[in-house]
Amino acid sequence: ESSYRFERGVDLDGVLPALDRAAA
């Protein structure tokens, strides 16, 4: 599921919001 999304391009500006959400 991860590679499927990386292959299609993820949001460069979404890296930090997702990190904070998961940490919380």
PDBML (XML) file of the C-alpha atoms, coordinates in Angstrom:
<?xml version="1.0" encoding="UTF-8" ?>
<PDBx:datablock datablockName="MODEL"
   xmlns:PDBx="http://pdbml.pdb.org/schema/pdbx-v50.xsd"
   xmlns:xsi="http://www.w3.org/2001/XMLSchema-instance"
   xsi:schemaLocation="http://pdbml.pdb.org/schema/pdbx-v50.xsd pdbx-v50.xsd">
   <PDBx:atom_siteCategory>
      <PDBx:atom_site id="1">
         <PDBx:B_iso_or_equiv>0.00</PDBx:B_iso_or_equiv>
         <PDBx:Cartn_x>0.000</PDBx:Cartn_x>
         <PDBx:Cartn_y>0.000</PDBx:Cartn_y>
         <PDBx:Cartn_z>0.000</PDBx:Cartn_z>
         <PDBx:auth_asym_id>A</PDBx:auth_asym_id>
         <PDBx:auth_atom_id>CA</PDBx:auth_atom_id>
         <PDBx:auth_comp_id>GLU</PDBx:auth_comp_id>
         <PDBx:auth_seq_id>1</PDBx:auth_seq_id>
         <PDBx:group_PDB>ATOM</PDBx:group_PDB>
         <PDBx:label_alt_id xsi:nil="true" />
         <PDBx:label_asym_id>A</PDBx:label_asym_id>
         <PDBx:label_atom_id>CA</PDBx:label_atom_id>
         <PDBx:label_comp_id>GLU</PDBx:label_comp_id>
         <PDBx:label_entity_id>1</PDBx:label_entity_id>
         <PDBx:label_seq_id>1</PDBx:label_seq_id>
         <PDBx:occupancy>1.00</PDBx:occupancy>
         <PDBx:pdbx_PDB_model_num>1</PDBx:pdbx_PDB_model_num>
         <PDBx:type_symbol>C</PDBx:type_symbol>
      </PDBx:atom_site>
      <PDBx:atom_site id="2">
         <PDBx:B_iso_or_equiv>0.00</PDBx:B_iso_or_equiv>
         <PDBx:Cartn_x>2.919</PDBx:Cartn_x>
         <PDBx:Cartn_y>2.345</PDBx:Cartn_y>
         <PDBx:Cartn_z>0.715</PDBx:Cartn_z>
         <PDBx:auth_asym_id>A</PDBx:auth_asym_id>
         <PDBx:auth_atom_id>CA</PDBx:auth_atom_id>
         <PDBx:auth_comp_id>SER</PDBx:auth_comp_id>
         <PDBx:auth_seq_id>2</PDBx:auth_seq_id>
         <PDBx:group_PDB>ATOM</PDBx:group_PDB>
         <PDBx:label_alt_id xsi:nil="true" />
         <PDBx:label_asym_id>A</PDBx:label_asym_id>
         <PDBx:label_atom_id>CA</PDBx:label_atom_id>
         <PDBx:label_comp_id>SER</PDBx:label_comp_id>
         <PDBx:label_entity_id>1</PDBx:label_entity_id>
         <PDBx:label_seq_id>2</PDBx:label_seq_id>
         <PDBx:occupancy>1.00</PDBx:occupancy>
         <PDBx:pdbx_PDB_model_num>1</PDBx:pdbx_PDB_model_num>
         <PDBx:type_symbol>C</PDBx:type_symbol>
      </PDBx:atom_site>
      <PDBx:atom_site id="3">
         <PDBx:B_iso_or_equiv>0.00</PDBx:B_iso_or_equiv>
         <PDBx:Cartn_x>4.767</PDBx:Cartn_x>
         <PDBx:Cartn_y>1.766</PDBx:Cartn_y>
         <PDBx:Cartn_z>-2.556</PDBx:Cartn_z>
         <PDBx:auth_asym_id>A</PDBx:auth_asym_id>
         <PDBx:auth_atom_id>CA</PDBx:auth_atom_id>
         <PDBx:auth_comp_id>SER</PDBx:auth_comp_id>
         <PDBx:auth_seq_id>3</PDBx:auth_seq_id>
         <PDBx:group_PDB>ATOM</PDBx:group_PDB>
         <PDBx:label_alt_id xsi:nil="true" />
         <PDBx:label_asym_id>A</PDBx:label_asym_id>
         <PDBx:label_atom_id>CA</PDBx:label_atom_id>
         <PDBx:label_comp_id>SER</PDBx:label_comp_id>
         <PDBx:label_entity_id>1</PDBx:label_entity_id>
         <PDBx:label_seq_id>3</PDBx:label_seq_id>
         <PDBx:occupancy>1.00</PDBx:occupancy>
         <PDBx:pdbx_PDB_model_num>1</PDBx:pdbx_PDB_model_num>
         <PDBx:type_symbol>C</PDBx:type_symbol>
      </PDBx:atom_site>
      <PDBx:atom_site id="4">
         <PDBx:B_iso_or_equiv>0.00</PDBx:B_iso_or_equiv>
         <PDBx:Cartn_x>1.478</PDBx:Cartn_x>
         <PDBx:Cartn_y>2.080</PDBx:Cartn_y>
         <PDBx:Cartn_z>-4.457</PDBx:Cartn_z>
         <PDBx:auth_asym_id>A</PDBx:auth_asym_id>
         <PDBx:auth_atom_id>CA</PDBx:auth_atom_id>
         <PDBx:auth_comp_id>TYR</PDBx:auth_comp_id>
         <PDBx:auth_seq_id>4</PDBx:auth_seq_id>
         <PDBx:group_PDB>ATOM</PDBx:group_PDB>
         <PDBx:label_alt_id xsi:nil="true" />
         <PDBx:label_asym_id>A</PDBx:label_asym_id>
         <PDBx:label_atom_id>CA</PDBx:label_atom_id>
         <PDBx:label_comp_id>TYR</PDBx:label_comp_id>
         <PDBx:label_entity_id>1</PDBx:label_entity_id>
         <PDBx:label_seq_id>4</PDBx:label_seq_id>
         <PDBx:occupancy>1.00</PDBx:occupancy>
         <PDBx:pdbx_PDB_model_num>1</PDBx:pdbx_PDB_model_num>
         <PDBx:type_symbol>C</PDBx:type_symbol>
      </PDBx:atom_site>
      <PDBx:atom_site id="5">
         <PDBx:B_iso_or_equiv>0.00</PDBx:B_iso_or_equiv>
         <PDBx:Cartn_x>1.140</PDBx:Cartn_x>
         <PDBx:Cartn_y>5.635</PDBx:Cartn_y>
         <PDBx:Cartn_z>-3.143</PDBx:Cartn_z>
         <PDBx:auth_asym_id>A</PDBx:auth_asym_id>
         <PDBx:auth_atom_id>CA</PDBx:auth_atom_id>
         <PDBx:auth_comp_id>ARG</PDBx:auth_comp_id>
         <PDBx:auth_seq_id>5</PDBx:auth_seq_id>
         <PDBx:group_PDB>ATOM</PDBx:group_PDB>
         <PDBx:label_alt_id xsi:nil="true" />
         <PDBx:label_asym_id>A</PDBx:label_asym_id>
         <PDBx:label_atom_id>CA</PDBx:label_atom_id>
         <PDBx:label_comp_id>ARG</PDBx:label_comp_id>
         <PDBx:label_entity_id>1</PDBx:label_entity_id>
         <PDBx:label_seq_id>5</PDBx:label_seq_id>
         <PDBx:occupancy>1.00</PDBx:occupancy>
         <PDBx:pdbx_PDB_model_num>1</PDBx:pdbx_PDB_model_num>
         <PDBx:type_symbol>C</PDBx:type_symbol>
      </PDBx:atom_site>
      <PDBx:atom_site id="6">
         <PDBx:B_iso_or_equiv>0.00</PDBx:B_iso_or_equiv>
         <PDBx:Cartn_x>4.796</PDBx:Cartn_x>
         <PDBx:Cartn_y>6.623</PDBx:Cartn_y>
         <PDBx:Cartn_z>-3.498</PDBx:Cartn_z>
         <PDBx:auth_asym_id>A</PDBx:auth_asym_id>
         <PDBx:auth_atom_id>CA</PDBx:auth_atom_id>
         <PDBx:auth_comp_id>PHE</PDBx:auth_comp_id>
         <PDBx:auth_seq_id>6</PDBx:auth_seq_id>
         <PDBx:group_PDB>ATOM</PDBx:group_PDB>
         <PDBx:label_alt_id xsi:nil="true" />
         <PDBx:label_asym_id>A</PDBx:label_asym_id>
         <PDBx:label_atom_id>CA</PDBx:label_atom_id>
         <PDBx:label_comp_id>PHE</PDBx:label_comp_id>
         <PDBx:label_entity_id>1</PDBx:label_entity_id>
         <PDBx:label_seq_id>6</PDBx:label_seq_id>
         <PDBx:occupancy>1.00</PDBx:occupancy>
         <PDBx:pdbx_PDB_model_num>1</PDBx:pdbx_PDB_model_num>
         <PDBx:type_symbol>C</PDBx:type_symbol>
      </PDBx:atom_site>
      <PDBx:atom_site id="7">
         <PDBx:B_iso_or_equiv>0.00</PDBx:B_iso_or_equiv>
         <PDBx:Cartn_x>4.767</PDBx:Cartn_x>
         <PDBx:Cartn_y>5.452</PDBx:Cartn_y>
         <PDBx:Cartn_z>-7.122</PDBx:Cartn_z>
         <PDBx:auth_asym_id>A</PDBx:auth_asym_id>
         <PDBx:auth_atom_id>CA</PDBx:auth_atom_id>
         <PDBx:auth_comp_id>GLU</PDBx:auth_comp_id>
         <PDBx:auth_seq_id>7</PDBx:auth_seq_id>
         <PDBx:group_PDB>ATOM</PDBx:group_PDB>
         <PDBx:label_alt_id xsi:nil="true" />
         <PDBx:label_asym_id>A</PDBx:label_asym_id>
         <PDBx:label_atom_id>CA</PDBx:label_atom_id>
         <PDBx:label_comp_id>GLU</PDBx:label_comp_id>
         <PDBx:label_entity_id>1</PDBx:label_entity_id>
         <PDBx:label_seq_id>7</PDBx:label_seq_id>
         <PDBx:occupancy>1.00</PDBx:occupancy>
         <PDBx:pdbx_PDB_model_num>1</PDBx:pdbx_PDB_model_num>
         <PDBx:type_symbol>C</PDBx:type_symbol>
      </PDBx:atom_site>
      <PDBx:atom_site id="8">
         <PDBx:B_iso_or_equiv>0.00</PDBx:B_iso_or_equiv>
         <PDBx:Cartn_x>1.934</PDBx:Cartn_x>
         <PDBx:Cartn_y>7.895</PDBx:Cartn_y>
         <PDBx:Cartn_z>-7.861</PDBx:Cartn_z>
         <PDBx:auth_asym_id>A</PDBx:auth_asym_id>
         <PDBx:auth_atom_id>CA</PDBx:auth_atom_id>
         <PDBx:auth_comp_id>ARG</PDBx:auth_comp_id>
         <PDBx:auth_seq_id>8</PDBx:auth_seq_id>
         <PDBx:group_PDB>ATOM</PDBx:group_PDB>
         <PDBx:label_alt_id xsi:nil="true" />
         <PDBx:label_asym_id>A</PDBx:label_asym_id>
         <PDBx:label_atom_id>CA</PDBx:label_atom_id>
         <PDBx:label_comp_id>ARG</PDBx:label_comp_id>
         <PDBx:label_entity_id>1</PDBx:label_entity_id>
         <PDBx:label_seq_id>8</PDBx:label_seq_id>
         <PDBx:occupancy>1.00</PDBx:occupancy>
         <PDBx:pdbx_PDB_model_num>1</PDBx:pdbx_PDB_model_num>
         <PDBx:type_symbol>C</PDBx:type_symbol>
      </PDBx:atom_site>
      <PDBx:atom_site id="9">
         <PDBx:B_iso_or_equiv>0.00</PDBx:B_iso_or_equiv>
         <PDBx:Cartn_x>3.474</PDBx:Cartn_x>
         <PDBx:Cartn_y>10.777</PDBx:Cartn_y>
         <PDBx:Cartn_z>-5.969</PDBx:Cartn_z>
         <PDBx:auth_asym_id>A</PDBx:auth_asym_id>
         <PDBx:auth_atom_id>CA</PDBx:auth_atom_id>
         <PDBx:auth_comp_id>GLY</PDBx:auth_comp_id>
         <PDBx:auth_seq_id>9</PDBx:auth_seq_id>
         <PDBx:group_PDB>ATOM</PDBx:group_PDB>
         <PDBx:label_alt_id xsi:nil="true" />
         <PDBx:label_asym_id>A</PDBx:label_asym_id>
         <PDBx:label_atom_id>CA</PDBx:label_atom_id>
         <PDBx:label_comp_id>GLY</PDBx:label_comp_id>
         <PDBx:label_entity_id>1</PDBx:label_entity_id>
         <PDBx:label_seq_id>9</PDBx:label_seq_id>
         <PDBx:occupancy>1.00</PDBx:occupancy>
         <PDBx:pdbx_PDB_model_num>1</PDBx:pdbx_PDB_model_num>
         <PDBx:type_symbol>C</PDBx:type_symbol>
      </PDBx:atom_site>
      <PDBx:atom_site id="10">
         <PDBx:B_iso_or_equiv>0.00</PDBx:B_iso_or_equiv>
         <PDBx:Cartn_x>2.675</PDBx:Cartn_x>
         <PDBx:Cartn_y>11.948</PDBx:Cartn_y>
         <PDBx:Cartn_z>-2.447</PDBx:Cartn_z>
         <PDBx:auth_asym_id>A</PDBx:auth_asym_id>
         <PDBx:auth_atom_id>CA</PDBx:auth_atom_id>
         <PDBx:auth_comp_id>VAL</PDBx:auth_comp_id>
         <PDBx:auth_seq_id>10</PDBx:auth_seq_id>
         <PDBx:group_PDB>ATOM</PDBx:group_PDB>
         <PDBx:label_alt_id xsi:nil="true" />
         <PDBx:label_asym_id>A</PDBx:label_asym_id>
         <PDBx:label_atom_id>CA</PDBx:label_atom_id>
         <PDBx:label_comp_id>VAL</PDBx:label_comp_id>
         <PDBx:label_entity_id>1</PDBx:label_entity_id>
         <PDBx:label_seq_id>10</PDBx:label_seq_id>
         <PDBx:occupancy>1.00</PDBx:occupancy>
         <PDBx:pdbx_PDB_model_num>1</PDBx:pdbx_PDB_model_num>
         <PDBx:type_symbol>C</PDBx:type_symbol>
      </PDBx:atom_site>
      <PDBx:atom_site id="11">
         <PDBx:B_iso_or_equiv>0.00</PDBx:B_iso_or_equiv>
         <PDBx:Cartn_x>2.272</PDBx:Cartn_x>
         <PDBx:Cartn_y>15.516</PDBx:Cartn_y>
         <PDBx:Cartn_z>-1.217</PDBx:Cartn_z>
         <PDBx:auth_asym_id>A</PDBx:auth_asym_id>
         <PDBx:auth_atom_id>CA</PDBx:auth_atom_id>
         <PDBx:auth_comp_id>ASP</PDBx:auth_comp_id>
         <PDBx:auth_seq_id>11</PDBx:auth_seq_id>
         <PDBx:group_PDB>ATOM</PDBx:group_PDB>
         <PDBx:label_alt_id xsi:nil="true" />
         <PDBx:label_asym_id>A</PDBx:label_asym_id>
         <PDBx:label_atom_id>CA</PDBx:label_atom_id>
         <PDBx:label_comp_id>ASP</PDBx:label_comp_id>
         <PDBx:label_entity_id>1</PDBx:label_entity_id>
         <PDBx:label_seq_id>11</PDBx:label_seq_id>
         <PDBx:occupancy>1.00</PDBx:occupancy>
         <PDBx:pdbx_PDB_model_num>1</PDBx:pdbx_PDB_model_num>
         <PDBx:type_symbol>C</PDBx:type_symbol>
      </PDBx:atom_site>
      <PDBx:atom_site id="12">
         <PDBx:B_iso_or_equiv>0.00</PDBx:B_iso_or_equiv>
         <PDBx:Cartn_x>5.616</PDBx:Cartn_x>
         <PDBx:Cartn_y>17.036</PDBx:Cartn_y>
         <PDBx:Cartn_z>-0.268</PDBx:Cartn_z>
         <PDBx:auth_asym_id>A</PDBx:auth_asym_id>
         <PDBx:auth_atom_id>CA</PDBx:auth_atom_id>
         <PDBx:auth_comp_id>LEU</PDBx:auth_comp_id>
         <PDBx:auth_seq_id>12</PDBx:auth_seq_id>
         <PDBx:group_PDB>ATOM</PDBx:group_PDB>
         <PDBx:label_alt_id xsi:nil="true" />
         <PDBx:label_asym_id>A</PDBx:label_asym_id>
         <PDBx:label_atom_id>CA</PDBx:label_atom_id>
         <PDBx:label_comp_id>LEU</PDBx:label_comp_id>
         <PDBx:label_entity_id>1</PDBx:label_entity_id>
         <PDBx:label_seq_id>12</PDBx:label_seq_id>
         <PDBx:occupancy>1.00</PDBx:occupancy>
         <PDBx:pdbx_PDB_model_num>1</PDBx:pdbx_PDB_model_num>
         <PDBx:type_symbol>C</PDBx:type_symbol>
      </PDBx:atom_site>
      <PDBx:atom_site id="13">
         <PDBx:B_iso_or_equiv>0.00</PDBx:B_iso_or_equiv>
         <PDBx:Cartn_x>3.825</PDBx:Cartn_x>
         <PDBx:Cartn_y>19.452</PDBx:Cartn_y>
         <PDBx:Cartn_z>2.069</PDBx:Cartn_z>
         <PDBx:auth_asym_id>A</PDBx:auth_asym_id>
         <PDBx:auth_atom_id>CA</PDBx:auth_atom_id>
         <PDBx:auth_comp_id>ASP</PDBx:auth_comp_id>
         <PDBx:auth_seq_id>13</PDBx:auth_seq_id>
         <PDBx:group_PDB>ATOM</PDBx:group_PDB>
         <PDBx:label_alt_id xsi:nil="true" />
         <PDBx:label_asym_id>A</PDBx:label_asym_id>
         <PDBx:label_atom_id>CA</PDBx:label_atom_id>
         <PDBx:label_comp_id>ASP</PDBx:label_comp_id>
         <PDBx:label_entity_id>1</PDBx:label_entity_id>
         <PDBx:label_seq_id>13</PDBx:label_seq_id>
         <PDBx:occupancy>1.00</PDBx:occupancy>
         <PDBx:pdbx_PDB_model_num>1</PDBx:pdbx_PDB_model_num>
         <PDBx:type_symbol>C</PDBx:type_symbol>
      </PDBx:atom_site>
      <PDBx:atom_site id="14">
         <PDBx:B_iso_or_equiv>0.00</PDBx:B_iso_or_equiv>
         <PDBx:Cartn_x>1.871</PDBx:Cartn_x>
         <PDBx:Cartn_y>16.593</PDBx:Cartn_y>
         <PDBx:Cartn_z>3.648</PDBx:Cartn_z>
         <PDBx:auth_asym_id>A</PDBx:auth_asym_id>
         <PDBx:auth_atom_id>CA</PDBx:auth_atom_id>
         <PDBx:auth_comp_id>GLY</PDBx:auth_comp_id>
         <PDBx:auth_seq_id>14</PDBx:auth_seq_id>
         <PDBx:group_PDB>ATOM</PDBx:group_PDB>
         <PDBx:label_alt_id xsi:nil="true" />
         <PDBx:label_asym_id>A</PDBx:label_asym_id>
         <PDBx:label_atom_id>CA</PDBx:label_atom_id>
         <PDBx:label_comp_id>GLY</PDBx:label_comp_id>
         <PDBx:label_entity_id>1</PDBx:label_entity_id>
         <PDBx:label_seq_id>14</PDBx:label_seq_id>
         <PDBx:occupancy>1.00</PDBx:occupancy>
         <PDBx:pdbx_PDB_model_num>1</PDBx:pdbx_PDB_model_num>
         <PDBx:type_symbol>C</PDBx:type_symbol>
      </PDBx:atom_site>
      <PDBx:atom_site id="15">
         <PDBx:B_iso_or_equiv>0.00</PDBx:B_iso_or_equiv>
         <PDBx:Cartn_x>4.920</PDBx:Cartn_x>
         <PDBx:Cartn_y>14.891</PDBx:Cartn_y>
         <PDBx:Cartn_z>5.150</PDBx:Cartn_z>
         <PDBx:auth_asym_id>A</PDBx:auth_asym_id>
         <PDBx:auth_atom_id>CA</PDBx:auth_atom_id>
         <PDBx:auth_comp_id>VAL</PDBx:auth_comp_id>
         <PDBx:auth_seq_id>15</PDBx:auth_seq_id>
         <PDBx:group_PDB>ATOM</PDBx:group_PDB>
         <PDBx:label_alt_id xsi:nil="true" />
         <PDBx:label_asym_id>A</PDBx:label_asym_id>
         <PDBx:label_atom_id>CA</PDBx:label_atom_id>
         <PDBx:label_comp_id>VAL</PDBx:label_comp_id>
         <PDBx:label_entity_id>1</PDBx:label_entity_id>
         <PDBx:label_seq_id>15</PDBx:label_seq_id>
         <PDBx:occupancy>1.00</PDBx:occupancy>
         <PDBx:pdbx_PDB_model_num>1</PDBx:pdbx_PDB_model_num>
         <PDBx:type_symbol>C</PDBx:type_symbol>
      </PDBx:atom_site>
      <PDBx:atom_site id="16">
         <PDBx:B_iso_or_equiv>0.00</PDBx:B_iso_or_equiv>
         <PDBx:Cartn_x>4.887</PDBx:Cartn_x>
         <PDBx:Cartn_y>16.779</PDBx:Cartn_y>
         <PDBx:Cartn_z>8.463</PDBx:Cartn_z>
         <PDBx:auth_asym_id>A</PDBx:auth_asym_id>
         <PDBx:auth_atom_id>CA</PDBx:auth_atom_id>
         <PDBx:auth_comp_id>LEU</PDBx:auth_comp_id>
         <PDBx:auth_seq_id>16</PDBx:auth_seq_id>
         <PDBx:group_PDB>ATOM</PDBx:group_PDB>
         <PDBx:label_alt_id xsi:nil="true" />
         <PDBx:label_asym_id>A</PDBx:label_asym_id>
         <PDBx:label_atom_id>CA</PDBx:label_atom_id>
         <PDBx:label_comp_id>LEU</PDBx:label_comp_id>
         <PDBx:label_entity_id>1</PDBx:label_entity_id>
         <PDBx:label_seq_id>16</PDBx:label_seq_id>
         <PDBx:occupancy>1.00</PDBx:occupancy>
         <PDBx:pdbx_PDB_model_num>1</PDBx:pdbx_PDB_model_num>
         <PDBx:type_symbol>C</PDBx:type_symbol>
      </PDBx:atom_site>
      <PDBx:atom_site id="17">
         <PDBx:B_iso_or_equiv>0.00</PDBx:B_iso_or_equiv>
         <PDBx:Cartn_x>1.089</PDBx:Cartn_x>
         <PDBx:Cartn_y>16.860</PDBx:Cartn_y>
         <PDBx:Cartn_z>9.098</PDBx:Cartn_z>
         <PDBx:auth_asym_id>A</PDBx:auth_asym_id>
         <PDBx:auth_atom_id>CA</PDBx:auth_atom_id>
         <PDBx:auth_comp_id>PRO</PDBx:auth_comp_id>
         <PDBx:auth_seq_id>17</PDBx:auth_seq_id>
         <PDBx:group_PDB>ATOM</PDBx:group_PDB>
         <PDBx:label_alt_id xsi:nil="true" />
         <PDBx:label_asym_id>A</PDBx:label_asym_id>
         <PDBx:label_atom_id>CA</PDBx:label_atom_id>
         <PDBx:label_comp_id>PRO</PDBx:label_comp_id>
         <PDBx:label_entity_id>1</PDBx:label_entity_id>
         <PDBx:label_seq_id>17</PDBx:label_seq_id>
         <PDBx:occupancy>1.00</PDBx:occupancy>
         <PDBx:pdbx_PDB_model_num>1</PDBx:pdbx_PDB_model_num>
         <PDBx:type_symbol>C</PDBx:type_symbol>
      </PDBx:atom_site>
      <PDBx:atom_site id="18">
         <PDBx:B_iso_or_equiv>0.00</PDBx:B_iso_or_equiv>
         <PDBx:Cartn_x>0.907</PDBx:Cartn_x>
         <PDBx:Cartn_y>13.080</PDBx:Cartn_y>
         <PDBx:Cartn_z>8.681</PDBx:Cartn_z>
         <PDBx:auth_asym_id>A</PDBx:auth_asym_id>
         <PDBx:auth_atom_id>CA</PDBx:auth_atom_id>
         <PDBx:auth_comp_id>ALA</PDBx:auth_comp_id>
         <PDBx:auth_seq_id>18</PDBx:auth_seq_id>
         <PDBx:group_PDB>ATOM</PDBx:group_PDB>
         <PDBx:label_alt_id xsi:nil="true" />
         <PDBx:label_asym_id>A</PDBx:label_asym_id>
         <PDBx:label_atom_id>CA</PDBx:label_atom_id>
         <PDBx:label_comp_id>ALA</PDBx:label_comp_id>
         <PDBx:label_entity_id>1</PDBx:label_entity_id>
         <PDBx:label_seq_id>18</PDBx:label_seq_id>
         <PDBx:occupancy>1.00</PDBx:occupancy>
         <PDBx:pdbx_PDB_model_num>1</PDBx:pdbx_PDB_model_num>
         <PDBx:type_symbol>C</PDBx:type_symbol>
      </PDBx:atom_site>
      <PDBx:atom_site id="19">
         <PDBx:B_iso_or_equiv>0.00</PDBx:B_iso_or_equiv>
         <PDBx:Cartn_x>3.911</PDBx:Cartn_x>
         <PDBx:Cartn_y>12.598</PDBx:Cartn_y>
         <PDBx:Cartn_z>10.985</PDBx:Cartn_z>
         <PDBx:auth_asym_id>A</PDBx:auth_asym_id>
         <PDBx:auth_atom_id>CA</PDBx:auth_atom_id>
         <PDBx:auth_comp_id>LEU</PDBx:auth_comp_id>
         <PDBx:auth_seq_id>19</PDBx:auth_seq_id>
         <PDBx:group_PDB>ATOM</PDBx:group_PDB>
         <PDBx:label_alt_id xsi:nil="true" />
         <PDBx:label_asym_id>A</PDBx:label_asym_id>
         <PDBx:label_atom_id>CA</PDBx:label_atom_id>
         <PDBx:label_comp_id>LEU</PDBx:label_comp_id>
         <PDBx:label_entity_id>1</PDBx:label_entity_id>
         <PDBx:label_seq_id>19</PDBx:label_seq_id>
         <PDBx:occupancy>1.00</PDBx:occupancy>
         <PDBx:pdbx_PDB_model_num>1</PDBx:pdbx_PDB_model_num>
         <PDBx:type_symbol>C</PDBx:type_symbol>
      </PDBx:atom_site>
      <PDBx:atom_site id="20">
         <PDBx:B_iso_or_equiv>0.00</PDBx:B_iso_or_equiv>
         <PDBx:Cartn_x>2.304</PDBx:Cartn_x>
         <PDBx:Cartn_y>14.710</PDBx:Cartn_y>
         <PDBx:Cartn_z>13.710</PDBx:Cartn_z>
         <PDBx:auth_asym_id>A</PDBx:auth_asym_id>
         <PDBx:auth_atom_id>CA</PDBx:auth_atom_id>
         <PDBx:auth_comp_id>ASP</PDBx:auth_comp_id>
         <PDBx:auth_seq_id>20</PDBx:auth_seq_id>
         <PDBx:group_PDB>ATOM</PDBx:group_PDB>
         <PDBx:label_alt_id xsi:nil="true" />
         <PDBx:label_asym_id>A</PDBx:label_asym_id>
         <PDBx:label_atom_id>CA</PDBx:label_atom_id>
         <PDBx:label_comp_id>ASP</PDBx:label_comp_id>
         <PDBx:label_entity_id>1</PDBx:label_entity_id>
         <PDBx:label_seq_id>20</PDBx:label_seq_id>
         <PDBx:occupancy>1.00</PDBx:occupancy>
         <PDBx:pdbx_PDB_model_num>1</PDBx:pdbx_PDB_model_num>
         <PDBx:type_symbol>C</PDBx:type_symbol>
      </PDBx:atom_site>
      <PDBx:atom_site id="21">
         <PDBx:B_iso_or_equiv>0.00</PDBx:B_iso_or_equiv>
         <PDBx:Cartn_x>-1.063</PDBx:Cartn_x>
         <PDBx:Cartn_y>12.973</PDBx:Cartn_y>
         <PDBx:Cartn_z>13.324</PDBx:Cartn_z>
         <PDBx:auth_asym_id>A</PDBx:auth_asym_id>
         <PDBx:auth_atom_id>CA</PDBx:auth_atom_id>
         <PDBx:auth_comp_id>ARG</PDBx:auth_comp_id>
         <PDBx:auth_seq_id>21</PDBx:auth_seq_id>
         <PDBx:group_PDB>ATOM</PDBx:group_PDB>
         <PDBx:label_alt_id xsi:nil="true" />
         <PDBx:label_asym_id>A</PDBx:label_asym_id>
         <PDBx:label_atom_id>CA</PDBx:label_atom_id>
         <PDBx:label_comp_id>ARG</PDBx:label_comp_id>
         <PDBx:label_entity_id>1</PDBx:label_entity_id>
         <PDBx:label_seq_id>21</PDBx:label_seq_id>
         <PDBx:occupancy>1.00</PDBx:occupancy>
         <PDBx:pdbx_PDB_model_num>1</PDBx:pdbx_PDB_model_num>
         <PDBx:type_symbol>C</PDBx:type_symbol>
      </PDBx:atom_site>
      <PDBx:atom_site id="22">
         <PDBx:B_iso_or_equiv>0.00</PDBx:B_iso_or_equiv>
         <PDBx:Cartn_x>0.520</PDBx:Cartn_x>
         <PDBx:Cartn_y>9.533</PDBx:Cartn_y>
         <PDBx:Cartn_z>13.713</PDBx:Cartn_z>
         <PDBx:auth_asym_id>A</PDBx:auth_asym_id>
         <PDBx:auth_atom_id>CA</PDBx:auth_atom_id>
         <PDBx:auth_comp_id>ALA</PDBx:auth_comp_id>
         <PDBx:auth_seq_id>22</PDBx:auth_seq_id>
         <PDBx:group_PDB>ATOM</PDBx:group_PDB>
         <PDBx:label_alt_id xsi:nil="true" />
         <PDBx:label_asym_id>A</PDBx:label_asym_id>
         <PDBx:label_atom_id>CA</PDBx:label_atom_id>
         <PDBx:label_comp_id>ALA</PDBx:label_comp_id>
         <PDBx:label_entity_id>1</PDBx:label_entity_id>
         <PDBx:label_seq_id>22</PDBx:label_seq_id>
         <PDBx:occupancy>1.00</PDBx:occupancy>
         <PDBx:pdbx_PDB_model_num>1</PDBx:pdbx_PDB_model_num>
         <PDBx:type_symbol>C</PDBx:type_symbol>
      </PDBx:atom_site>
      <PDBx:atom_site id="23">
         <PDBx:B_iso_or_equiv>0.00</PDBx:B_iso_or_equiv>
         <PDBx:Cartn_x>2.645</PDBx:Cartn_x>
         <PDBx:Cartn_y>10.612</PDBx:Cartn_y>
         <PDBx:Cartn_z>16.694</PDBx:Cartn_z>
         <PDBx:auth_asym_id>A</PDBx:auth_asym_id>
         <PDBx:auth_atom_id>CA</PDBx:auth_atom_id>
         <PDBx:auth_comp_id>ALA</PDBx:auth_comp_id>
         <PDBx:auth_seq_id>23</PDBx:auth_seq_id>
         <PDBx:group_PDB>ATOM</PDBx:group_PDB>
         <PDBx:label_alt_id xsi:nil="true" />
         <PDBx:label_asym_id>A</PDBx:label_asym_id>
         <PDBx:label_atom_id>CA</PDBx:label_atom_id>
         <PDBx:label_comp_id>ALA</PDBx:label_comp_id>
         <PDBx:label_entity_id>1</PDBx:label_entity_id>
         <PDBx:label_seq_id>23</PDBx:label_seq_id>
         <PDBx:occupancy>1.00</PDBx:occupancy>
         <PDBx:pdbx_PDB_model_num>1</PDBx:pdbx_PDB_model_num>
         <PDBx:type_symbol>C</PDBx:type_symbol>
      </PDBx:atom_site>
      <PDBx:atom_site id="24">
         <PDBx:B_iso_or_equiv>0.00</PDBx:B_iso_or_equiv>
         <PDBx:Cartn_x>-0.437</PDBx:Cartn_x>
         <PDBx:Cartn_y>11.988</PDBx:Cartn_y>
         <PDBx:Cartn_z>18.450</PDBx:Cartn_z>
         <PDBx:auth_asym_id>A</PDBx:auth_asym_id>
         <PDBx:auth_atom_id>CA</PDBx:auth_atom_id>
         <PDBx:auth_comp_id>ALA</PDBx:auth_comp_id>
         <PDBx:auth_seq_id>24</PDBx:auth_seq_id>
         <PDBx:group_PDB>ATOM</PDBx:group_PDB>
         <PDBx:label_alt_id xsi:nil="true" />
         <PDBx:label_asym_id>A</PDBx:label_asym_id>
         <PDBx:label_atom_id>CA</PDBx:label_atom_id>
         <PDBx:label_comp_id>ALA</PDBx:label_comp_id>
         <PDBx:label_entity_id>1</PDBx:label_entity_id>
         <PDBx:label_seq_id>24</PDBx:label_seq_id>
         <PDBx:occupancy>1.00</PDBx:occupancy>
         <PDBx:pdbx_PDB_model_num>1</PDBx:pdbx_PDB_model_num>
         <PDBx:type_symbol>C</PDBx:type_symbol>
      </PDBx:atom_site>
   </PDBx:atom_siteCategory>
</PDBx:datablock>
